[in-house]
Amino acid sequence: MSKRNYSCDVFYFVAGRFKQLRVLNLADNDLRTFPLSICYIATLVQLNFASNKLSDIPPSICKLKQLV
């Protein structure tokens, strides 16, 4: 049986369902990779990834033009 990454499913669900999401707090979640689906939530103005274990942030983060 293969190990499934359910956290990725959650991010795709959020990106697809919450089109008007403005604030996303993912602090202290032991994330190791940046969920690319978040880059499609164009309405985000605040995004918090503090205290995770991210090694890099993808260039596609630039799609989030409203981040402050």
PDB file of N, CA and C in Angstrom:
ATOM      1  N   MET A   1       0.849  -1.180   0.000  1.00  0.00           N
ATOM      2  CA  MET A   1       0.000   0.000   0.000  1.00  0.00           C
ATOM      3  C   MET A   1       0.889   1.236   0.000  1.00  0.00           C
ATOM      4  N   SER A   2       0.598   2.179  -0.868  1.00  0.00           N
ATOM      5  CA  SER A   2       1.406   3.393  -0.931  1.00  0.00           C
ATOM      6  C   SER A   2       0.935   4.396   0.109  1.00  0.00           C
ATOM      7  N   LYS A   3       1.882   5.174   0.582  1.00  0.00           N
ATOM      8  CA  LYS A   3       1.577   6.196   1.565  1.00  0.00           C
ATOM      9  C   LYS A   3       1.025   7.419   0.832  1.00  0.00           C
ATOM     10  N   ARG A   4      -0.112   7.875   1.219  1.00  0.00           N
ATOM     11  CA  ARG A   4      -0.757   9.005   0.559  1.00  0.00           C
ATOM     12  C   ARG A   4      -0.522  10.275   1.364  1.00  0.00           C
ATOM     13  N   ASN A   5      -0.244  11.369   0.665  1.00  0.00           N
ATOM     14  CA  ASN A   5      -0.008  12.638   1.324  1.00  0.00           C
ATOM     15  C   ASN A   5      -1.326  13.414   1.399  1.00  0.00           C
ATOM     16  N   TYR A   6      -2.036  13.263   2.501  1.00  0.00           N
ATOM     17  CA  TYR A   6      -3.332  13.895   2.659  1.00  0.00           C
ATOM     18  C   TYR A   6      -3.230  15.404   2.801  1.00  0.00           C
ATOM     19  N   SER A   7      -2.115  15.916   3.300  1.00  0.00           N
ATOM     20  CA  SER A   7      -1.990  17.360   3.446  1.00  0.00           C
ATOM     21  C   SER A   7      -2.065  18.051   2.097  1.00  0.00           C
ATOM     22  N   CYS A   8      -1.511  17.445   1.051  1.00  0.00           N
ATOM     23  CA  CYS A   8      -1.610  18.035  -0.291  1.00  0.00           C
ATOM     24  C   CYS A   8      -3.054  18.089  -0.748  1.00  0.00           C
ATOM     25  N   ASP A   9      -3.818  17.050  -0.452  1.00  0.00           N
ATOM     26  CA  ASP A   9      -5.232  17.035  -0.806  1.00  0.00           C
ATOM     27  C   ASP A   9      -5.967  18.193  -0.141  1.00  0.00           C
ATOM     28  N   VAL A  10      -5.635  18.469   1.104  1.00  0.00           N
ATOM     29  CA  VAL A  10      -6.273  19.556   1.840  1.00  0.00           C
ATOM     30  C   VAL A  10      -5.971  20.891   1.169  1.00  0.00           C
ATOM     31  N   PHE A  11      -4.732  21.113   0.765  1.00  0.00           N
ATOM     32  CA  PHE A  11      -4.371  22.376   0.132  1.00  0.00           C
ATOM     33  C   PHE A  11      -5.093  22.557  -1.198  1.00  0.00           C
ATOM     34  N   TYR A  12      -5.218  21.501  -1.993  1.00  0.00           N
ATOM     35  CA  TYR A  12      -5.945  21.600  -3.254  1.00  0.00           C
ATOM     36  C   TYR A  12      -7.430  21.863  -3.003  1.00  0.00           C
ATOM     37  N   PHE A  13      -7.967  21.257  -1.968  1.00  0.00           N
ATOM     38  CA  PHE A  13      -9.361  21.497  -1.598  1.00  0.00           C
ATOM     39  C   PHE A  13      -9.557  22.962  -1.222  1.00  0.00           C
ATOM     40  N   VAL A  14      -8.675  23.476  -0.381  1.00  0.00           N
ATOM     41  CA  VAL A  14      -8.769  24.871   0.056  1.00  0.00           C
ATOM     42  C   VAL A  14      -8.655  25.810  -1.140  1.00  0.00           C
ATOM     43  N   ALA A  15      -7.672  25.578  -1.995  1.00  0.00           N
ATOM     44  CA  ALA A  15      -7.458  26.444  -3.157  1.00  0.00           C
ATOM     45  C   ALA A  15      -8.661  26.419  -4.092  1.00  0.00           C
ATOM     46  N   GLY A  16      -9.319  25.276  -4.208  1.00  0.00           N
ATOM     47  CA  GLY A  16     -10.452  25.150  -5.115  1.00  0.00           C
ATOM     48  C   GLY A  16     -11.770  25.645  -4.552  1.00  0.00           C
ATOM     49  N   ARG A  17     -11.928  25.573  -3.255  1.00  0.00           N
ATOM     50  CA  ARG A  17     -13.224  25.881  -2.647  1.00  0.00           C
ATOM     51  C   ARG A  17     -13.331  27.280  -2.050  1.00  0.00           C
ATOM     52  N   PHE A  18     -12.252  27.792  -1.539  1.00  0.00           N
ATOM     53  CA  PHE A  18     -12.294  29.062  -0.822  1.00  0.00           C
ATOM     54  C   PHE A  18     -11.697  30.169  -1.686  1.00  0.00           C
ATOM     55  N   LYS A  19     -12.440  30.554  -2.693  1.00  0.00           N
ATOM     56  CA  LYS A  19     -11.967  31.517  -3.688  1.00  0.00           C
ATOM     57  C   LYS A  19     -11.805  32.925  -3.128  1.00  0.00           C
ATOM     58  N   GLN A  20     -12.424  33.230  -2.009  1.00  0.00           N
ATOM     59  CA  GLN A  20     -12.328  34.566  -1.416  1.00  0.00           C
ATOM     60  C   GLN A  20     -11.482  34.570  -0.138  1.00  0.00           C
ATOM     61  N   LEU A  21     -10.720  33.521   0.088  1.00  0.00           N
ATOM     62  CA  LEU A  21      -9.886  33.414   1.285  1.00  0.00           C
ATOM     63  C   LEU A  21      -8.865  34.545   1.306  1.00  0.00           C
ATOM     64  N   ARG A  22      -8.796  35.263   2.418  1.00  0.00           N
ATOM     65  CA  ARG A  22      -7.896  36.405   2.519  1.00  0.00           C
ATOM     66  C   ARG A  22      -6.737  36.159   3.479  1.00  0.00           C
ATOM     67  N   VAL A  23      -6.939  35.346   4.507  1.00  0.00           N
ATOM     68  CA  VAL A  23      -5.902  35.082   5.501  1.00  0.00           C
ATOM     69  C   VAL A  23      -5.738  33.570   5.656  1.00  0.00           C
ATOM     70  N   LEU A  24      -4.496  33.115   5.575  1.00  0.00           N
ATOM     71  CA  LEU A  24      -4.199  31.693   5.742  1.00  0.00           C
ATOM     72  C   LEU A  24      -3.020  31.558   6.698  1.00  0.00           C
ATOM     73  N   ASN A  25      -3.261  30.940   7.836  1.00  0.00           N
ATOM     74  CA  ASN A  25      -2.227  30.766   8.850  1.00  0.00           C
ATOM     75  C   ASN A  25      -1.845  29.291   8.914  1.00  0.00           C
ATOM     76  N   LEU A  26      -0.652  28.978   8.440  1.00  0.00           N
ATOM     77  CA  LEU A  26      -0.148  27.605   8.453  1.00  0.00           C
ATOM     78  C   LEU A  26       1.078  27.478   9.352  1.00  0.00           C
ATOM     79  N   ALA A  27       1.189  28.350  10.327  1.00  0.00           N
ATOM     80  CA  ALA A  27       2.330  28.346  11.241  1.00  0.00           C
ATOM     81  C   ALA A  27       2.334  27.079  12.096  1.00  0.00           C
ATOM     82  N   ASP A  28       3.541  26.648  12.446  1.00  0.00           N
ATOM     83  CA  ASP A  28       3.732  25.510  13.365  1.00  0.00           C
ATOM     84  C   ASP A  28       3.077  24.217  12.891  1.00  0.00           C
ATOM     85  N   ASN A  29       3.221  23.897  11.608  1.00  0.00           N
ATOM     86  CA  ASN A  29       2.634  22.676  11.067  1.00  0.00           C
ATOM     87  C   ASN A  29       3.659  21.667  10.566  1.00  0.00           C
ATOM     88  N   ASP A  30       4.929  21.926  10.818  1.00  0.00           N
ATOM     89  CA  ASP A  30       5.996  21.006  10.409  1.00  0.00           C
ATOM     90  C   ASP A  30       6.004  20.759   8.898  1.00  0.00           C
ATOM     91  N   LEU A  31       5.596  21.780   8.127  1.00  0.00           N
ATOM     92  CA  LEU A  31       5.592  21.650   6.669  1.00  0.00           C
ATOM     93  C   LEU A  31       7.021  21.667   6.152  1.00  0.00           C
ATOM     94  N   ARG A  32       7.307  20.804   5.205  1.00  0.00           N
ATOM     95  CA  ARG A  32       8.649  20.712   4.627  1.00  0.00           C
ATOM     96  C   ARG A  32       8.694  21.210   3.182  1.00  0.00           C
ATOM     97  N   THR A  33       7.540  21.229   2.544  1.00  0.00           N
ATOM     98  CA  THR A  33       7.453  21.745   1.177  1.00  0.00           C
ATOM     99  C   THR A  33       6.316  22.753   1.104  1.00  0.00           C
ATOM    100  N   PHE A  34       6.488  23.705   0.226  1.00  0.00           N
ATOM    101  CA  PHE A  34       5.474  24.735   0.021  1.00  0.00           C
ATOM    102  C   PHE A  34       4.383  24.176  -0.880  1.00  0.00           C
ATOM    103  N   PRO A  35       3.133  24.178  -0.435  1.00  0.00           N
ATOM    104  CA  PRO A  35       2.035  23.668  -1.258  1.00  0.00           C
ATOM    105  C   PRO A  35       1.761  24.615  -2.434  1.00  0.00           C
ATOM    106  N   LEU A  36       2.071  24.189  -3.634  1.00  0.00           N
ATOM    107  CA  LEU A  36       1.938  25.041  -4.813  1.00  0.00           C
ATOM    108  C   LEU A  36       0.511  25.509  -5.056  1.00  0.00           C
ATOM    109  N   SER A  37      -0.464  24.733  -4.634  1.00  0.00           N
ATOM    110  CA  SER A  37      -1.857  25.113  -4.858  1.00  0.00           C
ATOM    111  C   SER A  37      -2.203  26.432  -4.175  1.00  0.00           C
ATOM    112  N   ILE A  38      -1.479  26.795  -3.141  1.00  0.00           N
ATOM    113  CA  ILE A  38      -1.733  28.058  -2.445  1.00  0.00           C
ATOM    114  C   ILE A  38      -1.494  29.247  -3.370  1.00  0.00           C
ATOM    115  N   CYS A  39      -0.615  29.092  -4.329  1.00  0.00           N
ATOM    116  CA  CYS A  39      -0.301  30.182  -5.261  1.00  0.00           C
ATOM    117  C   CYS A  39      -1.476  30.536  -6.166  1.00  0.00           C
ATOM    118  N   TYR A  40      -2.529  29.748  -6.131  1.00  0.00           N
ATOM    119  CA  TYR A  40      -3.706  30.011  -6.951  1.00  0.00           C
ATOM    120  C   TYR A  40      -4.839  30.657  -6.165  1.00  0.00           C
ATOM    121  N   ILE A  41      -4.592  30.994  -4.917  1.00  0.00           N
ATOM    122  CA  ILE A  41      -5.596  31.690  -4.111  1.00  0.00           C
ATOM    123  C   ILE A  41      -5.268  33.177  -4.199  1.00  0.00           C
ATOM    124  N   ALA A  42      -5.678  33.779  -5.289  1.00  0.00           N
ATOM    125  CA  ALA A  42      -5.280  35.155  -5.613  1.00  0.00           C
ATOM    126  C   ALA A  42      -5.778  36.192  -4.624  1.00  0.00           C
ATOM    127  N   THR A  43      -6.750  35.852  -3.810  1.00  0.00           N
ATOM    128  CA  THR A  43      -7.319  36.817  -2.873  1.00  0.00           C
ATOM    129  C   THR A  43      -6.542  36.925  -1.563  1.00  0.00           C
ATOM    130  N   LEU A  44      -5.534  36.080  -1.359  1.00  0.00           N
ATOM    131  CA  LEU A  44      -4.778  36.113  -0.099  1.00  0.00           C
ATOM    132  C   LEU A  44      -4.081  37.448   0.098  1.00  0.00           C
ATOM    133  N   VAL A  45      -4.246  38.008   1.293  1.00  0.00           N
ATOM    134  CA  VAL A  45      -3.515  39.216   1.659  1.00  0.00           C
ATOM    135  C   VAL A  45      -2.532  38.933   2.789  1.00  0.00           C
ATOM    136  N   GLN A  46      -2.783  37.852   3.537  1.00  0.00           N
ATOM    137  CA  GLN A  46      -1.871  37.434   4.607  1.00  0.00           C
ATOM    138  C   GLN A  46      -1.637  35.926   4.513  1.00  0.00           C
ATOM    139  N   LEU A  47      -0.367  35.548   4.599  1.00  0.00           N
ATOM    140  CA  LEU A  47       0.018  34.144   4.538  1.00  0.00           C
ATOM    141  C   LEU A  47       1.117  33.926   5.557  1.00  0.00           C
ATOM    142  N   ASN A  48       0.874  33.044   6.520  1.00  0.00           N
ATOM    143  CA  ASN A  48       1.835  32.818   7.589  1.00  0.00           C
ATOM    144  C   ASN A  48       2.341  31.377   7.543  1.00  0.00           C
ATOM    145  N   PHE A  49       3.642  31.225   7.312  1.00  0.00           N
ATOM    146  CA  PHE A  49       4.300  29.920   7.304  1.00  0.00           C
ATOM    147  C   PHE A  49       5.355  29.832   8.398  1.00  0.00           C
ATOM    148  N   ALA A  50       5.264  30.648   9.420  1.00  0.00           N
ATOM    149  CA  ALA A  50       6.279  30.696  10.475  1.00  0.00           C
ATOM    150  C   ALA A  50       6.420  29.335  11.169  1.00  0.00           C
ATOM    151  N   SER A  51       7.635  29.058  11.595  1.00  0.00           N
ATOM    152  CA  SER A  51       7.948  27.853  12.384  1.00  0.00           C
ATOM    153  C   SER A  51       7.613  26.553  11.659  1.00  0.00           C
ATOM    154  N   ASN A  52       7.903  26.502  10.385  1.00  0.00           N
ATOM    155  CA  ASN A  52       7.818  25.273   9.605  1.00  0.00           C
ATOM    156  C   ASN A  52       9.224  24.894   9.172  1.00  0.00           C
ATOM    157  N   LYS A  53       9.364  23.884   8.383  1.00  0.00           N
ATOM    158  CA  LYS A  53      10.680  23.411   7.953  1.00  0.00           C
ATOM    159  C   LYS A  53      10.830  23.498   6.436  1.00  0.00           C
ATOM    160  N   LEU A  54      10.376  24.619   5.881  1.00  0.00           N
ATOM    161  CA  LEU A  54      10.461  24.818   4.436  1.00  0.00           C
ATOM    162  C   LEU A  54      11.907  25.048   4.014  1.00  0.00           C
ATOM    163  N   SER A  55      12.311  24.381   2.953  1.00  0.00           N
ATOM    164  CA  SER A  55      13.670  24.570   2.451  1.00  0.00           C
ATOM    165  C   SER A  55      13.725  25.687   1.412  1.00  0.00           C
ATOM    166  N   ASP A  56      12.616  25.934   0.735  1.00  0.00           N
ATOM    167  CA  ASP A  56      12.567  27.027  -0.236  1.00  0.00           C
ATOM    168  C   ASP A  56      11.121  27.414  -0.501  1.00  0.00           C
ATOM    169  N   ILE A  57      10.969  28.563  -1.135  1.00  0.00           N
ATOM    170  CA  ILE A  57       9.662  29.061  -1.531  1.00  0.00           C
ATOM    171  C   ILE A  57       9.681  29.189  -3.047  1.00  0.00           C
ATOM    172  N   PRO A  58       8.698  28.625  -3.734  1.00  0.00           N
ATOM    173  CA  PRO A  58       8.722  28.622  -5.205  1.00  0.00           C
ATOM    174  C   PRO A  58       8.498  30.013  -5.790  1.00  0.00           C
ATOM    175  N   PRO A  59       9.036  30.250  -6.976  1.00  0.00           N
ATOM    176  CA  PRO A  59       8.827  31.542  -7.644  1.00  0.00           C
ATOM    177  C   PRO A  59       7.352  31.845  -7.915  1.00  0.00           C
ATOM    178  N   SER A  60       6.536  30.817  -7.986  1.00  0.00           N
ATOM    179  CA  SER A  60       5.114  31.031  -8.269  1.00  0.00           C
ATOM    180  C   SER A  60       4.407  31.790  -7.145  1.00  0.00           C
ATOM    181  N   ILE A  61       5.065  31.998  -6.023  1.00  0.00           N
ATOM    182  CA  ILE A  61       4.486  32.803  -4.944  1.00  0.00           C
ATOM    183  C   ILE A  61       4.206  34.226  -5.444  1.00  0.00           C
ATOM    184  N   CYS A  62       4.919  34.613  -6.484  1.00  0.00           N
ATOM    185  CA  CYS A  62       4.736  35.957  -7.061  1.00  0.00           C
ATOM    186  C   CYS A  62       3.353  36.147  -7.659  1.00  0.00           C
ATOM    187  N   LYS A  63       2.623  35.064  -7.866  1.00  0.00           N
ATOM    188  CA  LYS A  63       1.246  35.177  -8.372  1.00  0.00           C
ATOM    189  C   LYS A  63       0.322  35.817  -7.346  1.00  0.00           C
ATOM    190  N   LEU A  64       0.730  35.791  -6.089  1.00  0.00           N
ATOM    191  CA  LEU A  64      -0.097  36.338  -5.013  1.00  0.00           C
ATOM    192  C   LEU A  64       0.181  37.832  -4.887  1.00  0.00           C
ATOM    193  N   LYS A  65      -0.398  38.606  -5.744  1.00  0.00           N
ATOM    194  CA  LYS A  65      -0.125  40.037  -5.871  1.00  0.00           C
ATOM    195  C   LYS A  65      -0.650  40.869  -4.710  1.00  0.00           C
ATOM    196  N   GLN A  66      -1.599  40.335  -3.940  1.00  0.00           N
ATOM    197  CA  GLN A  66      -2.216  41.123  -2.869  1.00  0.00           C
ATOM    198  C   GLN A  66      -1.559  40.899  -1.512  1.00  0.00           C
ATOM    199  N   LEU A  67      -0.578  40.011  -1.423  1.00  0.00           N
ATOM    200  CA  LEU A  67       0.081  39.773  -0.132  1.00  0.00           C
ATOM    201  C   LEU A  67       0.720  41.050   0.387  1.00  0.00           C
ATOM    202  N   VAL A  68       0.564  41.281   1.677  1.00  0.00           N
ATOM    203  CA  VAL A  68       1.203  42.447   2.304  1.00  0.00           C
ATOM    204  C   VAL A  68       2.240  42.008   3.312  1.00  0.00           C
TER     205      VAL A  68
END
